[in-house]
Amino acid sequence: MPQLLAVHLLRIGALYPTPAPVPWASPVSALAPAASWGSAEHPAGLAKATGRFSTAAATALVATSFIQRAGPRARAMNRLVSALRASAAFARRPASPAEAADAVLAVRRTAWHAPVRTACLEESAAAAFLLATHRLSIVWCHGIAADPVRLHAWVQTVDGDIVAEPPSTLGYTPALTIGARHQHRP
């Protein structure tokens, strides 16, 4: 590990010195899930999405797809994160749990008809963009779970409540969050 990284991780409390290697406790106990690429655990497209978000969900998905494909593939995640940070700056009030769920479900329903990849990363980003167009804030999260290693992206309310996600999402530790401060509840 590079010295600068080790010093930073020690300073923020992500690492701590020990005289010998020791195992650590899992932050959340959960059953080992099957392999998932972000779209196998929720009933995407099955829940009826109605209201003002339904029409704009397609536009949010197109914007997400455009951002990912607008340059070199190796920089797609950087572009998406930059766009999410920029959109979060426009929020004026927190989205209610119902508003956030409406946006997520509208995006998921629309995603079934999209001719491009629409897994958790694209769905959560599109939901964040959709809410930002209404100046509503949420917290976009990208997290990791171990054994087997899995990545997942989701949105939370500013109070830390996970939006339209299965309970297994609690097994993920947020590695990157964009938006209002939050708490990840085990």
N, C-alpha and C. Protein backbone atom coordinates (compact mmCIF):
# COMPACT_ATOMS: atom_id res chain seq x y z
N MET A 1 0.85 -1.17 0.00
CA MET A 1 0.00 0.00 0.00
C MET A 1 0.90 1.24 0.00
N PRO A 2 0.60 2.21 -0.85
CA PRO A 2 1.41 3.44 -0.86
C PRO A 2 1.34 4.14 0.49
N GLN A 3 2.45 4.71 0.90
CA GLN A 3 2.56 5.35 2.21
C GLN A 3 1.52 6.45 2.39
N LEU A 4 1.32 7.29 1.37
CA LEU A 4 0.37 8.40 1.46
C LEU A 4 -1.05 7.88 1.71
N LEU A 5 -1.43 6.81 1.02
CA LEU A 5 -2.74 6.22 1.21
C LEU A 5 -2.88 5.65 2.62
N ALA A 6 -1.87 4.95 3.10
CA ALA A 6 -1.91 4.38 4.44
C ALA A 6 -2.07 5.47 5.50
N VAL A 7 -1.33 6.55 5.36
CA VAL A 7 -1.43 7.66 6.31
C VAL A 7 -2.83 8.25 6.30
N HIS A 8 -3.40 8.43 5.11
CA HIS A 8 -4.76 8.98 4.99
C HIS A 8 -5.77 8.04 5.64
N LEU A 9 -5.68 6.75 5.37
CA LEU A 9 -6.63 5.78 5.94
C LEU A 9 -6.50 5.70 7.46
N LEU A 10 -5.30 5.82 7.98
CA LEU A 10 -5.11 5.85 9.43
C LEU A 10 -5.73 7.12 10.02
N ARG A 11 -5.54 8.25 9.35
CA ARG A 11 -6.05 9.53 9.84
C ARG A 11 -7.57 9.55 9.91
N ILE A 12 -8.25 8.97 8.94
CA ILE A 12 -9.72 9.01 8.93
C ILE A 12 -10.34 7.85 9.72
N GLY A 13 -9.52 6.96 10.25
CA GLY A 13 -10.03 5.87 11.06
C GLY A 13 -10.44 4.63 10.29
N ALA A 14 -10.12 4.57 8.99
CA ALA A 14 -10.45 3.40 8.19
C ALA A 14 -9.49 2.25 8.46
N LEU A 15 -8.31 2.57 8.92
CA LEU A 15 -7.31 1.58 9.34
C LEU A 15 -6.84 1.94 10.74
N TYR A 16 -6.40 0.93 11.47
CA TYR A 16 -5.77 1.21 12.75
C TYR A 16 -4.63 0.22 12.95
N PRO A 17 -3.55 0.67 13.59
CA PRO A 17 -2.37 -0.19 13.74
C PRO A 17 -2.61 -1.29 14.77
N THR A 18 -2.08 -2.46 14.49
CA THR A 18 -2.11 -3.59 15.43
C THR A 18 -0.74 -4.26 15.40
N PRO A 19 -0.35 -4.92 16.48
CA PRO A 19 0.96 -5.59 16.50
C PRO A 19 1.00 -6.81 15.58
N ALA A 20 -0.18 -7.40 15.31
CA ALA A 20 -0.25 -8.58 14.43
C ALA A 20 -1.59 -8.54 13.69
N PRO A 21 -1.70 -9.21 12.56
CA PRO A 21 -2.97 -9.22 11.85
C PRO A 21 -4.08 -9.83 12.71
N VAL A 22 -5.24 -9.20 12.69
CA VAL A 22 -6.40 -9.70 13.43
C VAL A 22 -7.63 -9.65 12.53
N PRO A 23 -8.54 -10.61 12.67
CA PRO A 23 -9.76 -10.57 11.87
C PRO A 23 -10.70 -9.47 12.39
N TRP A 24 -11.63 -9.04 11.56
CA TRP A 24 -12.57 -8.03 11.99
C TRP A 24 -13.98 -8.57 11.82
N ALA A 25 -14.90 -8.00 12.59
CA ALA A 25 -16.29 -8.42 12.54
C ALA A 25 -16.98 -7.75 11.35
N SER A 26 -17.87 -8.47 10.73
CA SER A 26 -18.67 -7.92 9.64
C SER A 26 -19.58 -6.84 10.19
N PRO A 27 -19.75 -5.69 9.50
CA PRO A 27 -20.61 -4.63 10.02
C PRO A 27 -22.08 -5.05 10.07
N VAL A 28 -22.50 -5.97 9.19
CA VAL A 28 -23.88 -6.43 9.15
C VAL A 28 -23.86 -7.91 8.83
N SER A 29 -24.57 -8.69 9.63
CA SER A 29 -24.68 -10.12 9.35
C SER A 29 -25.84 -10.33 8.37
N ALA A 30 -25.60 -11.11 7.36
CA ALA A 30 -26.64 -11.38 6.38
C ALA A 30 -26.34 -12.71 5.69
N LEU A 31 -27.37 -13.30 5.11
CA LEU A 31 -27.18 -14.51 4.34
C LEU A 31 -26.39 -14.19 3.08
N ALA A 32 -25.56 -15.11 2.65
CA ALA A 32 -24.78 -14.90 1.43
C ALA A 32 -25.73 -14.92 0.23
N PRO A 33 -25.82 -13.81 -0.50
CA PRO A 33 -26.73 -13.76 -1.64
C PRO A 33 -26.11 -14.41 -2.88
N ALA A 34 -26.97 -14.69 -3.82
CA ALA A 34 -26.50 -15.18 -5.11
C ALA A 34 -25.85 -14.02 -5.86
N ALA A 35 -25.09 -14.33 -6.88
CA ALA A 35 -24.47 -13.28 -7.69
C ALA A 35 -25.55 -12.36 -8.24
N SER A 36 -25.27 -11.06 -8.21
CA SER A 36 -26.24 -10.08 -8.68
C SER A 36 -25.51 -8.94 -9.35
N TRP A 37 -26.07 -8.46 -10.42
CA TRP A 37 -25.51 -7.29 -11.11
C TRP A 37 -26.45 -6.12 -10.97
N GLY A 38 -27.18 -6.05 -9.87
CA GLY A 38 -27.96 -4.87 -9.54
C GLY A 38 -29.40 -4.88 -9.95
N SER A 39 -29.85 -5.83 -10.75
CA SER A 39 -31.24 -5.77 -11.18
C SER A 39 -32.03 -7.03 -10.85
N ALA A 40 -31.41 -8.00 -10.18
CA ALA A 40 -32.08 -9.28 -9.93
C ALA A 40 -32.88 -9.30 -8.63
N GLU A 41 -32.69 -8.33 -7.75
CA GLU A 41 -33.30 -8.42 -6.43
C GLU A 41 -34.56 -7.59 -6.26
N HIS A 42 -34.89 -6.74 -7.17
CA HIS A 42 -36.09 -5.93 -7.02
C HIS A 42 -37.04 -6.19 -8.19
N PRO A 43 -38.33 -5.95 -7.96
CA PRO A 43 -39.31 -6.21 -9.02
C PRO A 43 -39.37 -5.06 -10.02
N ALA A 44 -38.27 -4.76 -10.65
CA ALA A 44 -38.23 -3.64 -11.59
C ALA A 44 -39.26 -3.82 -12.68
N GLY A 45 -39.99 -2.76 -12.93
CA GLY A 45 -40.97 -2.78 -14.01
C GLY A 45 -42.27 -3.44 -13.65
N LEU A 46 -42.37 -4.09 -12.50
CA LEU A 46 -43.60 -4.76 -12.13
C LEU A 46 -44.49 -3.86 -11.30
N ALA A 47 -43.89 -2.93 -10.55
CA ALA A 47 -44.68 -1.99 -9.76
C ALA A 47 -45.14 -0.86 -10.67
N LYS A 48 -46.41 -0.54 -10.60
CA LYS A 48 -46.94 0.51 -11.46
C LYS A 48 -46.39 1.87 -11.03
N ALA A 49 -45.74 2.55 -11.95
CA ALA A 49 -45.18 3.87 -11.69
C ALA A 49 -46.07 4.90 -12.36
N THR A 50 -46.69 5.73 -11.56
CA THR A 50 -47.57 6.75 -12.10
C THR A 50 -47.15 8.11 -11.57
N GLY A 51 -47.78 9.15 -12.05
CA GLY A 51 -47.50 10.49 -11.54
C GLY A 51 -46.52 11.24 -12.40
N ARG A 52 -46.09 12.38 -11.88
CA ARG A 52 -45.28 13.31 -12.67
C ARG A 52 -43.93 12.77 -13.07
N PHE A 53 -43.41 11.75 -12.40
CA PHE A 53 -42.09 11.24 -12.73
C PHE A 53 -42.08 10.32 -13.95
N SER A 54 -43.19 9.71 -14.26
CA SER A 54 -43.22 8.71 -15.33
C SER A 54 -42.75 9.26 -16.67
N THR A 55 -43.19 10.42 -17.04
CA THR A 55 -42.81 10.99 -18.33
C THR A 55 -41.34 11.38 -18.37
N ALA A 56 -40.84 11.93 -17.31
CA ALA A 56 -39.46 12.41 -17.27
C ALA A 56 -38.44 11.30 -17.03
N ALA A 57 -38.90 10.13 -16.61
CA ALA A 57 -37.96 9.04 -16.32
C ALA A 57 -37.15 8.65 -17.55
N ALA A 58 -37.79 8.63 -18.71
CA ALA A 58 -37.08 8.28 -19.95
C ALA A 58 -35.98 9.30 -20.24
N THR A 59 -36.26 10.56 -20.01
CA THR A 59 -35.26 11.60 -20.24
C THR A 59 -34.08 11.44 -19.29
N ALA A 60 -34.36 11.10 -18.04
CA ALA A 60 -33.29 10.89 -17.06
C ALA A 60 -32.42 9.69 -17.45
N LEU A 61 -33.04 8.63 -17.95
CA LEU A 61 -32.27 7.47 -18.40
C LEU A 61 -31.43 7.79 -19.63
N VAL A 62 -31.99 8.57 -20.56
CA VAL A 62 -31.23 8.98 -21.74
C VAL A 62 -30.03 9.83 -21.32
N ALA A 63 -30.24 10.75 -20.39
CA ALA A 63 -29.14 11.59 -19.91
C ALA A 63 -28.05 10.73 -19.26
N THR A 64 -28.45 9.76 -18.46
CA THR A 64 -27.48 8.86 -17.82
C THR A 64 -26.68 8.10 -18.87
N SER A 65 -27.37 7.56 -19.84
CA SER A 65 -26.70 6.82 -20.91
C SER A 65 -25.74 7.71 -21.70
N PHE A 66 -26.18 8.91 -22.00
CA PHE A 66 -25.34 9.85 -22.74
C PHE A 66 -24.07 10.19 -21.95
N ILE A 67 -24.23 10.45 -20.65
CA ILE A 67 -23.07 10.78 -19.82
C ILE A 67 -22.07 9.63 -19.81
N GLN A 68 -22.57 8.41 -19.72
CA GLN A 68 -21.67 7.26 -19.70
C GLN A 68 -20.94 7.06 -21.02
N ARG A 69 -21.58 7.40 -22.12
CA ARG A 69 -21.01 7.11 -23.44
C ARG A 69 -20.38 8.33 -24.12
N ALA A 70 -20.32 9.47 -23.45
CA ALA A 70 -19.87 10.72 -24.07
C ALA A 70 -18.36 10.84 -24.21
N GLY A 71 -17.62 9.86 -23.83
CA GLY A 71 -16.17 9.94 -23.92
C GLY A 71 -15.56 8.56 -23.77
N PRO A 72 -14.29 8.52 -23.42
CA PRO A 72 -13.62 7.23 -23.26
C PRO A 72 -14.32 6.37 -22.20
N ARG A 73 -14.47 5.10 -22.51
CA ARG A 73 -15.15 4.17 -21.61
C ARG A 73 -14.48 4.11 -20.23
N ALA A 74 -13.16 4.22 -20.20
CA ALA A 74 -12.43 4.15 -18.95
C ALA A 74 -12.78 5.29 -17.99
N ARG A 75 -13.36 6.37 -18.50
CA ARG A 75 -13.70 7.53 -17.68
C ARG A 75 -15.21 7.67 -17.45
N ALA A 76 -15.99 6.65 -17.82
CA ALA A 76 -17.44 6.72 -17.72
C ALA A 76 -17.91 6.95 -16.28
N MET A 77 -17.35 6.22 -15.33
CA MET A 77 -17.76 6.38 -13.94
C MET A 77 -17.40 7.77 -13.43
N ASN A 78 -16.24 8.28 -13.81
CA ASN A 78 -15.85 9.64 -13.40
C ASN A 78 -16.84 10.67 -13.93
N ARG A 79 -17.25 10.51 -15.19
CA ARG A 79 -18.23 11.45 -15.76
C ARG A 79 -19.55 11.38 -15.01
N LEU A 80 -19.98 10.16 -14.70
CA LEU A 80 -21.25 9.99 -14.01
C LEU A 80 -21.19 10.59 -12.60
N VAL A 81 -20.12 10.36 -11.88
CA VAL A 81 -19.97 10.92 -10.53
C VAL A 81 -19.94 12.45 -10.59
N SER A 82 -19.24 13.02 -11.56
CA SER A 82 -19.19 14.48 -11.70
C SER A 82 -20.58 15.05 -11.98
N ALA A 83 -21.33 14.38 -12.85
CA ALA A 83 -22.68 14.84 -13.17
C ALA A 83 -23.60 14.72 -11.95
N LEU A 84 -23.46 13.65 -11.18
CA LEU A 84 -24.27 13.50 -9.97
C LEU A 84 -23.95 14.59 -8.95
N ARG A 85 -22.67 14.90 -8.80
CA ARG A 85 -22.29 15.99 -7.87
C ARG A 85 -22.86 17.32 -8.33
N ALA A 86 -22.79 17.58 -9.62
CA ALA A 86 -23.32 18.84 -10.15
C ALA A 86 -24.83 18.91 -9.96
N SER A 87 -25.53 17.82 -10.21
CA SER A 87 -26.99 17.85 -10.07
C SER A 87 -27.41 17.99 -8.61
N ALA A 88 -26.63 17.44 -7.69
CA ALA A 88 -26.97 17.55 -6.26
C ALA A 88 -26.93 18.99 -5.78
N ALA A 89 -26.14 19.82 -6.44
CA ALA A 89 -26.02 21.23 -6.04
C ALA A 89 -27.29 22.02 -6.30
N PHE A 90 -28.18 21.51 -7.15
CA PHE A 90 -29.41 22.23 -7.49
C PHE A 90 -30.56 21.94 -6.53
N ALA A 91 -30.42 20.99 -5.65
CA ALA A 91 -31.51 20.61 -4.74
C ALA A 91 -31.80 21.73 -3.75
N ARG A 92 -33.08 21.95 -3.51
CA ARG A 92 -33.49 22.99 -2.57
C ARG A 92 -34.17 22.42 -1.33
N ARG A 93 -34.75 21.23 -1.45
CA ARG A 93 -35.37 20.60 -0.28
C ARG A 93 -35.24 19.09 -0.39
N PRO A 94 -35.25 18.40 0.75
CA PRO A 94 -35.14 16.93 0.71
C PRO A 94 -36.38 16.30 0.07
N ALA A 95 -36.17 15.27 -0.71
CA ALA A 95 -37.29 14.52 -1.26
C ALA A 95 -37.91 13.71 -0.13
N SER A 96 -39.23 13.64 -0.13
CA SER A 96 -39.90 12.78 0.85
C SER A 96 -39.66 11.33 0.45
N PRO A 97 -39.83 10.40 1.37
CA PRO A 97 -39.68 8.99 0.99
C PRO A 97 -40.60 8.60 -0.18
N ALA A 98 -41.81 9.14 -0.21
CA ALA A 98 -42.75 8.82 -1.30
C ALA A 98 -42.27 9.40 -2.62
N GLU A 99 -41.77 10.64 -2.61
CA GLU A 99 -41.26 11.25 -3.85
C GLU A 99 -40.06 10.48 -4.38
N ALA A 100 -39.16 10.10 -3.47
CA ALA A 100 -37.98 9.35 -3.89
C ALA A 100 -38.38 7.98 -4.44
N ALA A 101 -39.30 7.29 -3.78
CA ALA A 101 -39.75 5.97 -4.25
C ALA A 101 -40.44 6.10 -5.60
N ASP A 102 -41.26 7.14 -5.79
CA ASP A 102 -41.92 7.34 -7.08
C ASP A 102 -40.89 7.49 -8.20
N ALA A 103 -39.85 8.24 -7.93
CA ALA A 103 -38.81 8.46 -8.95
C ALA A 103 -38.09 7.15 -9.28
N VAL A 104 -37.69 6.42 -8.25
CA VAL A 104 -36.97 5.16 -8.46
C VAL A 104 -37.83 4.18 -9.24
N LEU A 105 -39.09 4.03 -8.84
CA LEU A 105 -39.97 3.07 -9.52
C LEU A 105 -40.29 3.50 -10.95
N ALA A 106 -40.41 4.81 -11.18
CA ALA A 106 -40.65 5.29 -12.54
C ALA A 106 -39.45 4.98 -13.44
N VAL A 107 -38.27 5.18 -12.91
CA VAL A 107 -37.05 4.88 -13.68
C VAL A 107 -36.97 3.39 -13.96
N ARG A 108 -37.24 2.57 -12.96
CA ARG A 108 -37.17 1.12 -13.16
C ARG A 108 -38.17 0.64 -14.20
N ARG A 109 -39.37 1.15 -14.14
CA ARG A 109 -40.38 0.73 -15.12
C ARG A 109 -39.96 1.15 -16.53
N THR A 110 -39.47 2.35 -16.67
CA THR A 110 -39.02 2.84 -17.97
C THR A 110 -37.80 2.07 -18.45
N ALA A 111 -36.95 1.66 -17.53
CA ALA A 111 -35.72 0.96 -17.89
C ALA A 111 -35.99 -0.36 -18.61
N TRP A 112 -37.13 -0.99 -18.34
CA TRP A 112 -37.46 -2.24 -19.02
C TRP A 112 -37.57 -2.04 -20.53
N HIS A 113 -37.84 -0.83 -20.96
CA HIS A 113 -38.02 -0.55 -22.38
C HIS A 113 -36.79 0.09 -23.01
N ALA A 114 -35.75 0.29 -22.22
CA ALA A 114 -34.54 0.96 -22.73
C ALA A 114 -33.67 -0.03 -23.52
N PRO A 115 -33.13 0.43 -24.64
CA PRO A 115 -32.28 -0.44 -25.46
C PRO A 115 -30.82 -0.47 -25.00
N VAL A 116 -30.55 0.01 -23.79
CA VAL A 116 -29.20 0.05 -23.25
C VAL A 116 -29.19 -0.62 -21.88
N ARG A 117 -27.99 -0.87 -21.36
CA ARG A 117 -27.86 -1.47 -20.03
C ARG A 117 -28.53 -0.58 -19.00
N THR A 118 -29.36 -1.17 -18.17
CA THR A 118 -29.98 -0.43 -17.07
C THR A 118 -30.01 -1.31 -15.84
N ALA A 119 -28.91 -1.32 -15.13
CA ALA A 119 -28.80 -2.03 -13.86
C ALA A 119 -28.83 -0.98 -12.74
N CYS A 120 -28.42 -1.36 -11.55
CA CYS A 120 -28.53 -0.47 -10.41
C CYS A 120 -27.81 0.86 -10.58
N LEU A 121 -26.65 0.85 -11.22
CA LEU A 121 -25.89 2.08 -11.41
C LEU A 121 -26.68 3.09 -12.24
N GLU A 122 -27.17 2.63 -13.37
CA GLU A 122 -27.91 3.53 -14.27
C GLU A 122 -29.25 3.94 -13.65
N GLU A 123 -29.93 3.00 -13.01
CA GLU A 123 -31.23 3.32 -12.41
C GLU A 123 -31.10 4.33 -11.28
N SER A 124 -30.14 4.12 -10.40
CA SER A 124 -29.99 5.04 -9.27
C SER A 124 -29.54 6.42 -9.72
N ALA A 125 -28.65 6.47 -10.70
CA ALA A 125 -28.20 7.78 -11.22
C ALA A 125 -29.36 8.49 -11.90
N ALA A 126 -30.13 7.77 -12.71
CA ALA A 126 -31.28 8.39 -13.39
C ALA A 126 -32.30 8.90 -12.37
N ALA A 127 -32.54 8.15 -11.30
CA ALA A 127 -33.47 8.61 -10.26
C ALA A 127 -32.94 9.88 -9.59
N ALA A 128 -31.63 9.94 -9.35
CA ALA A 128 -31.04 11.14 -8.76
C ALA A 128 -31.19 12.33 -9.69
N PHE A 129 -30.94 12.13 -10.99
CA PHE A 129 -31.11 13.21 -11.96
C PHE A 129 -32.56 13.65 -12.05
N LEU A 130 -33.47 12.67 -12.04
CA LEU A 130 -34.90 12.98 -12.11
C LEU A 130 -35.34 13.83 -10.93
N LEU A 131 -34.92 13.46 -9.74
CA LEU A 131 -35.28 14.25 -8.56
C LEU A 131 -34.63 15.63 -8.59
N ALA A 132 -33.41 15.72 -9.10
CA ALA A 132 -32.73 17.01 -9.19
C ALA A 132 -33.46 17.98 -10.11
N THR A 133 -34.13 17.45 -11.15
CA THR A 133 -34.89 18.35 -12.03
C THR A 133 -36.05 19.01 -11.30
N HIS A 134 -36.47 18.40 -10.19
CA HIS A 134 -37.53 18.97 -9.36
C HIS A 134 -36.94 19.64 -8.12
N ARG A 135 -35.61 19.80 -8.12
CA ARG A 135 -34.87 20.44 -7.04
C ARG A 135 -35.03 19.71 -5.70
N LEU A 136 -35.16 18.39 -5.80
CA LEU A 136 -35.29 17.55 -4.61
C LEU A 136 -33.99 16.83 -4.35
N SER A 137 -33.59 16.76 -3.09
CA SER A 137 -32.32 16.12 -2.76
C SER A 137 -32.53 14.72 -2.21
N ILE A 138 -31.62 13.86 -2.55
CA ILE A 138 -31.49 12.51 -2.02
C ILE A 138 -30.00 12.27 -1.86
N VAL A 139 -29.65 11.08 -1.41
CA VAL A 139 -28.24 10.70 -1.32
C VAL A 139 -28.04 9.53 -2.26
N TRP A 140 -27.14 9.69 -3.23
CA TRP A 140 -26.80 8.60 -4.14
C TRP A 140 -25.65 7.84 -3.51
N CYS A 141 -25.77 6.52 -3.45
CA CYS A 141 -24.75 5.69 -2.80
C CYS A 141 -24.22 4.63 -3.76
N HIS A 142 -22.93 4.41 -3.68
CA HIS A 142 -22.29 3.31 -4.40
C HIS A 142 -21.53 2.55 -3.33
N GLY A 143 -21.87 1.26 -3.17
CA GLY A 143 -21.28 0.52 -2.07
C GLY A 143 -20.77 -0.85 -2.47
N ILE A 144 -20.20 -1.52 -1.48
CA ILE A 144 -19.57 -2.82 -1.69
C ILE A 144 -19.97 -3.76 -0.57
N ALA A 145 -20.08 -5.02 -0.92
CA ALA A 145 -20.31 -6.08 0.07
C ALA A 145 -19.26 -7.16 -0.21
N ALA A 146 -18.88 -7.86 0.83
CA ALA A 146 -17.83 -8.85 0.68
C ALA A 146 -18.37 -10.27 0.70
N ASP A 147 -17.56 -11.18 0.19
CA ASP A 147 -17.74 -12.63 0.26
C ASP A 147 -19.07 -13.13 -0.27
N PRO A 148 -19.31 -13.18 -1.54
CA PRO A 148 -18.42 -12.74 -2.60
C PRO A 148 -18.50 -11.21 -2.76
N VAL A 149 -17.45 -10.64 -3.30
CA VAL A 149 -17.42 -9.19 -3.49
C VAL A 149 -18.49 -8.80 -4.50
N ARG A 150 -19.32 -7.83 -4.10
CA ARG A 150 -20.39 -7.33 -4.95
C ARG A 150 -20.44 -5.82 -4.85
N LEU A 151 -20.83 -5.17 -5.93
CA LEU A 151 -21.03 -3.73 -5.96
C LEU A 151 -22.51 -3.46 -6.16
N HIS A 152 -22.97 -2.34 -5.63
CA HIS A 152 -24.38 -1.97 -5.79
C HIS A 152 -24.49 -0.46 -5.69
N ALA A 153 -25.45 0.11 -6.38
CA ALA A 153 -25.74 1.54 -6.30
C ALA A 153 -27.21 1.70 -5.95
N TRP A 154 -27.52 2.68 -5.11
CA TRP A 154 -28.89 2.90 -4.68
C TRP A 154 -29.03 4.35 -4.23
N VAL A 155 -30.26 4.74 -3.92
CA VAL A 155 -30.49 6.08 -3.38
C VAL A 155 -31.11 5.95 -1.99
N GLN A 156 -30.84 6.94 -1.18
CA GLN A 156 -31.38 7.04 0.16
C GLN A 156 -31.99 8.42 0.34
N THR A 157 -32.93 8.53 1.27
CA THR A 157 -33.42 9.85 1.63
C THR A 157 -32.31 10.55 2.40
N VAL A 158 -32.45 11.84 2.61
CA VAL A 158 -31.41 12.56 3.35
C VAL A 158 -31.36 12.11 4.80
N ASP A 159 -32.41 11.44 5.28
CA ASP A 159 -32.42 10.89 6.64
C ASP A 159 -31.75 9.53 6.72
N GLY A 160 -31.32 8.98 5.57
CA GLY A 160 -30.63 7.70 5.57
C GLY A 160 -31.50 6.50 5.29
N ASP A 161 -32.78 6.71 4.98
CA ASP A 161 -33.67 5.58 4.66
C ASP A 161 -33.43 5.13 3.23
N ILE A 162 -33.19 3.84 3.05
CA ILE A 162 -32.98 3.28 1.72
C ILE A 162 -34.30 3.29 0.96
N VAL A 163 -34.24 3.69 -0.31
CA VAL A 163 -35.45 3.87 -1.11
C VAL A 163 -35.65 2.72 -2.10
N ALA A 164 -36.80 2.06 -2.01
CA ALA A 164 -37.23 1.03 -2.97
C ALA A 164 -36.15 -0.03 -3.22
N GLU A 165 -35.58 -0.54 -2.15
CA GLU A 165 -34.52 -1.55 -2.23
C GLU A 165 -34.87 -2.72 -1.34
N PRO A 166 -34.35 -3.90 -1.67
CA PRO A 166 -34.58 -5.06 -0.81
C PRO A 166 -33.74 -4.95 0.47
N PRO A 167 -34.11 -5.71 1.51
CA PRO A 167 -33.34 -5.67 2.77
C PRO A 167 -31.86 -6.03 2.59
N SER A 168 -31.54 -6.79 1.55
CA SER A 168 -30.13 -7.18 1.35
C SER A 168 -29.23 -5.98 1.08
N THR A 169 -29.79 -4.83 0.74
CA THR A 169 -28.99 -3.63 0.52
C THR A 169 -28.28 -3.22 1.80
N LEU A 170 -28.83 -3.57 2.95
CA LEU A 170 -28.18 -3.24 4.22
C LEU A 170 -26.85 -3.95 4.39
N GLY A 171 -26.59 -4.98 3.60
CA GLY A 171 -25.31 -5.68 3.65
C GLY A 171 -24.20 -4.97 2.91
N TYR A 172 -24.52 -3.86 2.24
CA TYR A 172 -23.51 -3.09 1.50
C TYR A 172 -23.03 -1.93 2.34
N THR A 173 -21.74 -1.66 2.26
CA THR A 173 -21.15 -0.51 2.92
C THR A 173 -20.95 0.58 1.88
N PRO A 174 -21.54 1.76 2.10
CA PRO A 174 -21.34 2.84 1.12
C PRO A 174 -19.86 3.22 1.03
N ALA A 175 -19.32 3.19 -0.18
CA ALA A 175 -17.94 3.60 -0.42
C ALA A 175 -17.89 5.01 -0.98
N LEU A 176 -18.96 5.41 -1.65
CA LEU A 176 -19.06 6.75 -2.23
C LEU A 176 -20.50 7.21 -2.08
N THR A 177 -20.68 8.40 -1.51
CA THR A 177 -22.01 8.98 -1.41
C THR A 177 -21.97 10.39 -1.98
N ILE A 178 -23.05 10.74 -2.64
CA ILE A 178 -23.17 12.09 -3.21
C ILE A 178 -24.52 12.63 -2.80
N GLY A 179 -24.52 13.82 -2.26
CA GLY A 179 -25.75 14.45 -1.82
C GLY A 179 -25.65 14.83 -0.37
N ALA A 180 -26.81 14.99 0.24
CA ALA A 180 -26.88 15.43 1.63
C ALA A 180 -26.20 14.41 2.54
N ARG A 181 -25.82 14.88 3.71
CA ARG A 181 -25.21 13.96 4.69
C ARG A 181 -26.25 12.93 5.08
N HIS A 182 -25.80 11.74 5.39
CA HIS A 182 -26.72 10.66 5.73
C HIS A 182 -26.08 9.69 6.69
N GLN A 183 -26.89 8.73 7.11
CA GLN A 183 -26.39 7.64 7.93
C GLN A 183 -26.82 6.35 7.26
N HIS A 184 -25.93 5.39 7.23
CA HIS A 184 -26.28 4.06 6.69
C HIS A 184 -26.75 3.24 7.87
N ARG A 185 -28.01 2.86 7.86
CA ARG A 185 -28.57 2.15 9.00
C ARG A 185 -28.43 0.65 8.82
N PRO A 186 -27.80 -0.04 9.79
CA PRO A 186 -27.68 -1.49 9.69
C PRO A 186 -28.99 -2.18 10.00
